C-alpha atoms as a PDB file:
ATOM      1  CA  MET A   1      10.120 199.134  72.781  1.00  0.00           C
ATOM      2  CA  PRO A   2       6.530 199.713  71.629  1.00  0.00           C
ATOM      3  CA  SER A   3       4.461 201.662  73.986  1.00  0.00           C
ATOM      4  CA  SER A   4       1.424 200.239  75.745  1.00  0.00           C
ATOM      5  CA  SER A   5      -2.286 200.692  74.509  1.00  0.00           C
ATOM      6  CA  ALA A   6      -2.439 203.663  76.947  1.00  0.00           C
ATOM      7  CA  SER A   7      -0.777 205.791  74.124  1.00  0.00           C
ATOM      8  CA  THR A   8      -4.343 205.823  72.692  1.00  0.00           C
ATOM      9  CA  SER A   9      -6.366 208.508  74.392  1.00  0.00           C
ATOM     10  CA  ALA A  10      -9.121 207.096  76.569  1.00  0.00           C
ATOM     11  CA  ALA A  11     -11.180 210.130  75.561  1.00  0.00           C
ATOM     12  CA  GLU A  12     -11.624 208.891  71.840  1.00  0.00           C
ATOM     13  CA  ALA A  13     -15.018 208.091  70.771  1.00  0.00           C
ATOM     14  CA  LYS A  14     -16.368 204.577  71.514  1.00  0.00           C
ATOM     15  CA  PRO A  15     -18.085 202.396  68.969  1.00  0.00           C
ATOM     16  CA  ALA A  16     -21.871 203.187  68.764  1.00  0.00           C
ATOM     17  CA  GLY A  17     -23.857 201.233  71.094  1.00  0.00           C
ATOM     18  CA  ALA A  18     -21.175 200.818  73.731  1.00  0.00           C
ATOM     19  CA  SER A  19     -22.629 200.707  77.177  1.00  0.00           C
ATOM     20  CA  GLY A  20     -21.496 203.071  79.999  1.00  0.00           C
ATOM     21  CA  GLY A  21     -20.199 200.021  81.946  1.00  0.00           C
ATOM     22  CA  VAL A  22     -18.133 198.783  79.013  1.00  0.00           C
ATOM     23  CA  GLN A  23     -16.754 202.380  78.468  1.00  0.00           C
ATOM     24  CA  SER A  24     -16.000 202.748  82.288  1.00  0.00           C
ATOM     25  CA  LEU A  25     -14.130 199.370  82.184  1.00  0.00           C
ATOM     26  CA  GLU A  26     -12.084 200.472  79.281  1.00  0.00           C
ATOM     27  CA  ARG A  27     -11.184 203.691  80.724  1.00  0.00           C
ATOM     28  CA  ALA A  28     -10.190 202.025  84.127  1.00  0.00           C
ATOM     29  CA  PHE A  29      -7.718 199.720  82.221  1.00  0.00           C
ATOM     30  CA  ASP A  30      -6.427 202.621  80.321  1.00  0.00           C
ATOM     31  CA  LEU A  31      -5.705 204.408  83.546  1.00  0.00           C
ATOM     32  CA  LEU A  32      -4.018 201.461  85.033  1.00  0.00           C
ATOM     33  CA  GLU A  33      -1.781 201.255  81.879  1.00  0.00           C
ATOM     34  CA  ARG A  34      -0.981 204.874  82.177  1.00  0.00           C
ATOM     35  CA  MET A  35      -0.013 204.408  85.831  1.00  0.00           C
ATOM     36  CA  ALA A  36       2.291 201.553  84.745  1.00  0.00           C
ATOM     37  CA  ASP A  37       3.955 203.659  82.067  1.00  0.00           C
ATOM     38  CA  ALA A  38       4.439 206.492  84.519  1.00  0.00           C
ATOM     39  CA  GLY A  39       6.377 204.178  86.838  1.00  0.00           C
ATOM     40  CA  GLY A  40       3.439 203.047  88.987  1.00  0.00           C
ATOM     41  CA  GLU A  41       2.572 206.217  90.727  1.00  0.00           C
ATOM     42  CA  VAL A  42       0.813 209.329  89.466  1.00  0.00           C
ATOM     43  CA  GLY A  43      -1.404 212.232  90.386  1.00  0.00           C
ATOM     44  CA  LEU A  44      -4.932 212.874  89.140  1.00  0.00           C
ATOM     45  CA  SER A  45      -3.924 216.048  87.092  1.00  0.00           C
ATOM     46  CA  GLU A  46      -1.193 213.819  85.362  1.00  0.00           C
ATOM     47  CA  LEU A  47      -3.800 211.245  84.477  1.00  0.00           C
ATOM     48  CA  SER A  48      -6.163 213.952  83.125  1.00  0.00           C
ATOM     49  CA  GLY A  49      -3.511 215.581  81.140  1.00  0.00           C
ATOM     50  CA  SER A  50      -2.387 212.287  79.483  1.00  0.00           C
ATOM     51  CA  SER A  51      -5.745 210.546  79.122  1.00  0.00           C
ATOM     52  CA  GLY A  52      -7.765 213.697  78.038  1.00  0.00           C
ATOM     53  CA  LEU A  53     -10.598 212.535  80.665  1.00  0.00           C
ATOM     54  CA  PRO A  54     -11.974 215.256  83.033  1.00  0.00           C
ATOM     55  CA  LEU A  55     -10.941 215.188  86.693  1.00  0.00           C
ATOM     56  CA  PRO A  56     -14.174 214.080  88.020  1.00  0.00           C
ATOM     57  CA  THR A  57     -14.361 211.102  85.747  1.00  0.00           C
ATOM     58  CA  ILE A  58     -10.993 210.152  86.790  1.00  0.00           C
ATOM     59  CA  HIS A  59     -11.595 210.725  90.387  1.00  0.00           C
ATOM     60  CA  ARG A  60     -14.761 208.339  90.297  1.00  0.00           C
ATOM     61  CA  LEU A  61     -12.823 205.615  88.449  1.00  0.00           C
ATOM     62  CA  MET A  62      -9.906 205.853  90.833  1.00  0.00           C
ATOM     63  CA  ARG A  63     -12.226 205.598  93.811  1.00  0.00           C
ATOM     64  CA  THR A  64     -13.468 202.324  92.521  1.00  0.00           C
ATOM     65  CA  LEU A  65     -10.132 201.018  91.697  1.00  0.00           C
ATOM     66  CA  VAL A  66      -8.955 201.788  95.335  1.00  0.00           C
ATOM     67  CA  ALA A  67     -12.035 200.084  96.753  1.00  0.00           C
ATOM     68  CA  CYS A  68     -11.117 196.921  94.767  1.00  0.00           C
ATOM     69  CA  GLY A  69      -7.431 197.018  95.806  1.00  0.00           C
ATOM     70  CA  TYR A  70      -5.896 197.590  92.469  1.00  0.00           C
ATOM     71  CA  VAL A  71      -4.984 201.246  93.295  1.00  0.00           C
ATOM     72  CA  ARG A  72      -3.974 202.799  96.536  1.00  0.00           C
ATOM     73  CA  GLN A  73      -3.726 206.348  97.693  1.00  0.00           C
ATOM     74  CA  GLN A  74      -0.515 207.527  99.052  1.00  0.00           C
ATOM     75  CA  PRO A  75      -0.014 209.840 102.051  1.00  0.00           C
ATOM     76  CA  ASN A  76       0.971 212.534  99.434  1.00  0.00           C
ATOM     77  CA  ARG A  77      -2.555 211.966  97.790  1.00  0.00           C
ATOM     78  CA  ARG A  78      -0.825 210.545  94.670  1.00  0.00           C
ATOM     79  CA  TYR A  79      -2.122 207.173  93.358  1.00  0.00           C
ATOM     80  CA  ALA A  80       0.046 204.040  93.091  1.00  0.00           C
ATOM     81  CA  LEU A  81      -0.761 200.602  91.645  1.00  0.00           C
ATOM     82  CA  GLY A  82      -2.165 198.431  94.289  1.00  0.00           C
ATOM     83  CA  PRO A  83      -1.010 194.901  95.634  1.00  0.00           C
ATOM     84  CA  ARG A  84      -4.037 192.893  94.227  1.00  0.00           C
ATOM     85  CA  LEU A  85      -2.454 193.469  90.636  1.00  0.00           C
ATOM     86  CA  ILE A  86       0.498 191.345  91.842  1.00  0.00           C
ATOM     87  CA  ARG A  87      -1.456 188.165  91.707  1.00  0.00           C
ATOM     88  CA  LEU A  88      -2.901 188.940  88.363  1.00  0.00           C
ATOM     89  CA  GLY A  89       0.742 189.809  86.974  1.00  0.00           C
ATOM     90  CA  GLU A  90       2.106 186.626  88.490  1.00  0.00           C
ATOM     91  CA  SER A  91      -0.651 184.487  86.937  1.00  0.00           C
ATOM     92  CA  SER A  92      -0.217 186.239  83.675  1.00  0.00           C
ATOM     93  CA  SER A  93       3.469 185.832  83.624  1.00  0.00           C
ATOM     94  CA  ARG A  94       3.173 182.053  84.200  1.00  0.00           C
ATOM     95  CA  LEU A  95       0.690 181.872  81.297  1.00  0.00           C
ATOM     96  CA  LEU A  96       3.057 183.738  79.049  1.00  0.00           C
ATOM     97  CA  GLY A  97       5.881 181.410  80.000  1.00  0.00           C
ATOM     98  CA  THR A  98       3.670 178.427  79.254  1.00  0.00           C
ATOM     99  CA  TRP A  99       2.986 179.878  75.726  1.00  0.00           C
ATOM    100  CA  ALA A 100       6.470 180.659  75.079  1.00  0.00           C
ATOM    101  CA  ARG A 101       8.049 177.160  75.861  1.00  0.00           C
ATOM    102  CA  PRO A 102       7.441 175.557  72.655  1.00  0.00           C
ATOM    103  CA  PHE A 103       9.103 178.473  70.790  1.00  0.00           C
ATOM    104  CA  LEU A 104      12.129 178.252  73.204  1.00  0.00           C
ATOM    105  CA  ALA A 105      12.258 174.546  72.586  1.00  0.00           C
ATOM    106  CA  ARG A 106      12.691 175.425  68.922  1.00  0.00           C
ATOM    107  CA  LEU A 107      15.627 177.760  69.801  1.00  0.00           C
ATOM    108  CA  VAL A 108      17.206 174.915  71.785  1.00  0.00           C
ATOM    109  CA  GLU A 109      16.722 172.566  68.948  1.00  0.00           C
ATOM    110  CA  GLU A 110      18.342 174.927  66.418  1.00  0.00           C
ATOM    111  CA  THR A 111      20.956 176.578  68.369  1.00  0.00           C
ATOM    112  CA  GLY A 112      21.989 173.871  70.996  1.00  0.00           C
ATOM    113  CA  GLU A 113      22.007 176.479  73.761  1.00  0.00           C
ATOM    114  CA  THR A 114      19.706 177.246  76.671  1.00  0.00           C
ATOM    115  CA  ALA A 115      16.840 179.546  75.570  1.00  0.00           C
ATOM    116  CA  ASN A 116      15.126 182.163  77.920  1.00  0.00           C
ATOM    117  CA  MET A 117      12.199 184.493  77.811  1.00  0.00           C
ATOM    118  CA  ALA A 118      12.304 187.676  80.108  1.00  0.00           C
ATOM    119  CA  LEU A 119       9.963 190.870  80.794  1.00  0.00           C
ATOM    120  CA  LEU A 120      10.619 194.200  81.906  1.00  0.00           C
ATOM    121  CA  ASP A 121       8.850 194.638  85.164  1.00  0.00           C
ATOM    122  CA  GLY A 122       9.354 198.070  86.604  1.00  0.00           C
ATOM    123  CA  ASP A 123      13.097 198.805  86.690  1.00  0.00           C
ATOM    124  CA  GLU A 124      13.948 195.041  86.739  1.00  0.00           C
ATOM    125  CA  ILE A 125      14.237 192.139  84.377  1.00  0.00           C
ATOM    126  CA  VAL A 126      12.401 188.953  85.360  1.00  0.00           C
ATOM    127  CA  TYR A 127      12.834 185.625  83.769  1.00  0.00           C
ATOM    128  CA  VAL A 128       9.495 183.870  83.015  1.00  0.00           C
ATOM    129  CA  ALA A 129      10.456 180.792  80.905  1.00  0.00           C
ATOM    130  CA  GLN A 130      13.384 178.688  80.151  1.00  0.00           C
ATOM    131  CA  VAL A 131      14.198 175.538  78.154  1.00  0.00           C
ATOM    132  CA  PRO A 132      17.732 174.205  79.076  1.00  0.00           C
ATOM    133  CA  SER A 133      20.366 173.083  76.683  1.00  0.00           C
ATOM    134  CA  ARG A 134      20.951 169.378  76.221  1.00  0.00           C
ATOM    135  CA  HIS A 135      24.739 169.973  76.595  1.00  0.00           C
ATOM    136  CA  ALA A 136      26.405 168.657  79.807  1.00  0.00           C
ATOM    137  CA  VAL A 137      27.895 172.085  80.382  1.00  0.00           C
ATOM    138  CA  ARG A 138      25.164 174.599  79.997  1.00  0.00           C
ATOM    139  CA  MET A 139      23.492 177.814  81.420  1.00  0.00           C
ATOM    140  CA  PHE A 140      20.667 177.797  83.934  1.00  0.00           C
ATOM    141  CA  THR A 141      18.670 180.940  85.130  1.00  0.00           C
ATOM    142  CA  GLU A 142      15.978 180.208  87.570  1.00  0.00           C
ATOM    143  CA  VAL A 143      12.545 181.152  86.388  1.00  0.00           C
ATOM    144  CA  GLY A 144      11.310 184.027  88.471  1.00  0.00           C
ATOM    145  CA  ARG A 145      14.734 185.397  89.016  1.00  0.00           C
ATOM    146  CA  ARG A 146      15.211 189.245  88.827  1.00  0.00           C
ATOM    147  CA  VAL A 147      18.127 191.124  87.593  1.00  0.00           C
ATOM    148  CA  LEU A 148      19.158 194.575  86.735  1.00  0.00           C
ATOM    149  CA  PRO A 149      18.895 195.369  83.019  1.00  0.00           C
ATOM    150  CA  HIS A 150      22.274 196.943  82.445  1.00  0.00           C
ATOM    151  CA  SER A 151      24.163 193.671  82.753  1.00  0.00           C
ATOM    152  CA  THR A 152      22.064 191.468  80.650  1.00  0.00           C
ATOM    153  CA  GLY A 153      21.297 190.874  76.903  1.00  0.00           C
ATOM    154  CA  VAL A 154      17.554 190.782  77.403  1.00  0.00           C
ATOM    155  CA  GLY A 155      17.793 194.119  79.382  1.00  0.00           C
ATOM    156  CA  LYS A 156      19.571 195.742  76.497  1.00  0.00           C
ATOM    157  CA  ALA A 157      17.020 194.435  73.957  1.00  0.00           C
ATOM    158  CA  LEU A 158      14.194 195.678  76.172  1.00  0.00           C
ATOM    159  CA  LEU A 159      15.499 199.051  76.728  1.00  0.00           C
ATOM    160  CA  ALA A 160      16.971 199.675  73.128  1.00  0.00           C
ATOM    161  CA  HIS A 161      13.951 201.585  71.997  1.00  0.00           C
ATOM    162  CA  HIS A 162      13.262 203.626  75.096  1.00  0.00           C
ATOM    163  CA  ALA A 163      14.050 207.292  75.107  1.00  0.00           C
ATOM    164  CA  PRO A 164      17.515 208.149  76.447  1.00  0.00           C
ATOM    165  CA  GLU A 165      16.163 210.250  79.243  1.00  0.00           C
ATOM    166  CA  GLU A 166      13.926 207.268  80.384  1.00  0.00           C
ATOM    167  CA  VAL A 167      16.963 204.960  80.297  1.00  0.00           C
ATOM    168  CA  ARG A 168      19.069 207.476  82.364  1.00  0.00           C
ATOM    169  CA  ALA A 169      16.170 207.784  84.927  1.00  0.00           C
ATOM    170  CA  LEU A 170      16.048 203.998  85.337  1.00  0.00           C
ATOM    171  CA  LEU A 171      19.776 203.678  85.715  1.00  0.00           C
ATOM    172  CA  GLY A 172      19.748 206.629  88.241  1.00  0.00           C
ATOM    173  CA  ARG A 173      17.099 204.547  90.360  1.00  0.00           C
ATOM    174  CA  THR A 174      18.849 201.087  90.109  1.00  0.00           C
ATOM    175  CA  GLY A 175      22.500 202.127  90.129  1.00  0.00           C
ATOM    176  CA  MET A 176      24.886 200.143  87.842  1.00  0.00           C
ATOM    177  CA  PRO A 177      26.705 197.799  90.036  1.00  0.00           C
ATOM    178  CA  ALA A 178      29.323 195.526  88.486  1.00  0.00           C
ATOM    179  CA  ALA A 179      28.534 191.932  88.214  1.00  0.00           C
ATOM    180  CA  THR A 180      31.843 191.239  86.608  1.00  0.00           C
ATOM    181  CA  GLU A 181      34.704 193.437  85.456  1.00  0.00           C
ATOM    182  CA  LYS A 182      33.035 193.477  81.991  1.00  0.00           C
ATOM    183  CA  THR A 183      29.665 194.872  83.225  1.00  0.00           C
ATOM    184  CA  ILE A 184      28.924 198.298  81.749  1.00  0.00           C
ATOM    185  CA  THR A 185      28.857 200.767  84.681  1.00  0.00           C
ATOM    186  CA  GLU A 186      28.518 204.182  82.953  1.00  0.00           C
ATOM    187  CA  PRO A 187      25.196 205.565  81.616  1.00  0.00           C
ATOM    188  CA  ASP A 188      26.856 207.005  78.456  1.00  0.00           C
ATOM    189  CA  ARG A 189      28.541 203.617  77.551  1.00  0.00           C
ATOM    190  CA  PHE A 190      25.201 201.790  78.217  1.00  0.00           C
ATOM    191  CA  LEU A 191      23.419 204.181  75.759  1.00  0.00           C
ATOM    192  CA  GLU A 192      26.109 203.472  73.113  1.00  0.00           C
ATOM    193  CA  ALA A 193      25.400 199.777  73.716  1.00  0.00           C
ATOM    194  CA  LEU A 194      21.687 200.405  73.106  1.00  0.00           C
ATOM    195  CA  ALA A 195      22.519 202.349  69.926  1.00  0.00           C
ATOM    196  CA  ASP A 196      24.402 199.209  68.802  1.00  0.00           C
ATOM    197  CA  VAL A 197      21.261 196.998  69.481  1.00  0.00           C
ATOM    198  CA  ARG A 198      19.049 199.304  67.334  1.00  0.00           C
ATOM    199  CA  ARG A 199      21.718 199.279  64.578  1.00  0.00           C
ATOM    200  CA  LEU A 200      22.344 195.400  64.651  1.00  0.00           C
ATOM    201  CA  GLY A 201      18.960 194.242  65.704  1.00  0.00           C
ATOM    202  CA  TYR A 202      20.090 192.226  68.527  1.00  0.00           C
ATOM    203  CA  ALA A 203      21.827 192.515  72.033  1.00  0.00           C
ATOM    204  CA  VAL A 204      24.805 190.877  73.428  1.00  0.00           C
ATOM    205  CA  ASP A 205      25.942 190.235  76.942  1.00  0.00           C
ATOM    206  CA  ASP A 206      29.616 189.318  76.685  1.00  0.00           C
ATOM    207  CA  ASN A 207      30.760 188.057  80.037  1.00  0.00           C
ATOM    208  CA  GLU A 208      28.870 191.048  81.681  1.00  0.00           C
ATOM    209  CA  GLN A 209      26.654 189.014  83.931  1.00  0.00           C
ATOM    210  CA  GLU A 210      28.740 186.046  84.452  1.00  0.00           C
ATOM    211  CA  ILE A 211      32.357 185.328  83.248  1.00  0.00           C
ATOM    212  CA  GLY A 212      32.409 182.652  80.751  1.00  0.00           C
ATOM    213  CA  VAL A 213      28.903 183.079  79.600  1.00  0.00           C
ATOM    214  CA  ARG A 214      27.726 184.958  76.278  1.00  0.00           C
ATOM    215  CA  CYS A 215      24.165 185.831  75.766  1.00  0.00           C
ATOM    216  CA  LEU A 216      22.308 186.909  72.434  1.00  0.00           C
ATOM    217  CA  ALA A 217      18.852 188.422  72.775  1.00  0.00           C
ATOM    218  CA  VAL A 218      16.240 190.147  70.607  1.00  0.00           C
ATOM    219  CA  PRO A 219      12.799 191.685  71.757  1.00  0.00           C
ATOM    220  CA  VAL A 220       9.564 190.149  70.814  1.00  0.00           C
ATOM    221  CA  PRO A 221       7.964 192.541  68.470  1.00  0.00           C
ATOM    222  CA  ASN A 222       4.652 193.981  69.386  1.00  0.00           C
ATOM    223  CA  SER A 223       4.334 191.798  72.513  1.00  0.00           C
ATOM    224  CA  PRO A 224       1.292 192.684  74.862  1.00  0.00           C
ATOM    225  CA  THR A 225       3.918 193.359  77.498  1.00  0.00           C
ATOM    226  CA  SER A 226       7.690 194.283  76.970  1.00  0.00           C
ATOM    227  CA  ALA A 227       9.454 191.007  76.374  1.00  0.00           C
ATOM    228  CA  ALA A 228      12.680 189.439  74.901  1.00  0.00           C
ATOM    229  CA  ILE A 229      14.042 186.038  74.144  1.00  0.00           C
ATOM    230  CA  SER A 230      17.625 185.020  74.297  1.00  0.00           C
ATOM    231  CA  ILE A 231      19.959 182.088  74.090  1.00  0.00           C
ATOM    232  CA  SER A 232      22.932 181.793  76.519  1.00  0.00           C
ATOM    233  CA  GLY A 233      25.887 179.381  76.689  1.00  0.00           C
ATOM    234  CA  PRO A 234      29.663 179.133  77.307  1.00  0.00           C
ATOM    235  CA  THR A 235      31.791 181.678  75.474  1.00  0.00           C
ATOM    236  CA  GLY A 236      33.606 178.702  73.730  1.00  0.00           C
ATOM    237  CA  ARG A 237      30.347 177.674  72.019  1.00  0.00           C
ATOM    238  CA  VAL A 238      28.470 181.156  71.599  1.00  0.00           C
ATOM    239  CA  THR A 239      31.288 182.526  69.562  1.00  0.00           C
ATOM    240  CA  GLU A 240      31.547 185.648  67.242  1.00  0.00           C
ATOM    241  CA  ALA A 241      31.335 183.077  64.319  1.00  0.00           C
ATOM    242  CA  SER A 242      28.105 181.453  65.694  1.00  0.00           C
ATOM    243  CA  THR A 243      26.426 184.788  66.081  1.00  0.00           C
ATOM    244  CA  ASP A 244      25.695 185.232  62.408  1.00  0.00           C
ATOM    245  CA  LYS A 245      23.810 181.737  62.507  1.00  0.00           C
ATOM    246  CA  ILE A 246      22.043 182.183  65.829  1.00  0.00           C
ATOM    247  CA  VAL A 247      20.652 185.734  65.438  1.00  0.00           C
ATOM    248  CA  PRO A 248      18.311 185.104  62.305  1.00  0.00           C
ATOM    249  CA  VAL A 249      16.953 181.968  64.337  1.00  0.00           C
ATOM    250  CA  LEU A 250      16.198 184.252  67.377  1.00  0.00           C
ATOM    251  CA  GLN A 251      14.539 186.762  65.181  1.00  0.00           C
ATOM    252  CA  ASP A 252      12.336 184.338  63.349  1.00  0.00           C
ATOM    253  CA  VAL A 253      11.334 182.800  66.636  1.00  0.00           C
ATOM    254  CA  ALA A 254      10.685 186.149  68.211  1.00  0.00           C
ATOM    255  CA  ALA A 255       8.381 186.968  65.152  1.00  0.00           C
ATOM    256  CA  GLN A 256       6.535 183.616  65.484  1.00  0.00           C
ATOM    257  CA  LEU A 257       5.910 184.133  69.177  1.00  0.00           C
ATOM    258  CA  SER A 258       4.678 187.632  68.601  1.00  0.00           C
ATOM    259  CA  VAL A 259       2.024 186.237  66.259  1.00  0.00           C
ATOM    260  CA  ALA A 260       1.125 183.626  68.797  1.00  0.00           C
ATOM    261  CA  LEU A 261       0.711 185.915  71.597  1.00  0.00           C
ATOM    262  CA  ALA A 262      -1.435 188.381  69.433  1.00  0.00           C
ATOM    263  CA  ASN A 263      -3.790 185.461  68.657  1.00  0.00           C
ATOM    264  CA  GLN A 264      -3.613 184.309  72.347  1.00  0.00           C
ATOM    265  CA  THR A 265      -2.948 180.738  71.299  1.00  0.00           C
ATOM    266  CA  PRO A 266       0.037 178.458  72.034  1.00  0.00           C
ATOM    267  CA  ALA A 267       2.023 177.107  69.097  1.00  0.00           C
END
């Protein structure tokens, strides 16, 4: 998964003529992204070390973010992402789903199966858009539903390029409960599955979330937030033979969606 823009040091020189207010805004957003990358809670020294900013500057910015409700200070004096970000995130997810729907509709048209878009939100997968299949027997996942990543194709697609230690830490926090008898419940096996995703270029959920359902998924490259698209359908239709036809369509649609998101315009 591509890292967020927080990977670029906030201490880098700003363009000539940039005002102090604009620079402070850029730095504040950079700190929020670094907090998200760190799991949502960090200490000032950690932020200083990763951003290159001096502690007094970070402390001043964090005081402002706390006052606005976008950050809160914990009893242990560490800082956590605040509740006011939830409303922004929910609105952004809805808009992202709206932009994605025309691309998902193309997936349905070309594959015949239900198409989904999902994001990695913290340690969970959240579905933000869906276009259903026209078949009488079809898969349905409620938009807004949250699931653990280890039992889903989109979860594998989203975690495939995370460092192994990050994946193990996530699995340690969530556990690996079995949704079906085919769910992967061992970290080593899950890491092997992620290696297959990197090798093949797509992820598979083969009866792992629900018996009788098979899902194929790919990440959306260079998405502003970690996103994946998938198709899901009965195992009788989403077969090994159909995979070779469906995966190139998934990859092509993901690439087109990536361009649309970068341009911030719908299809």
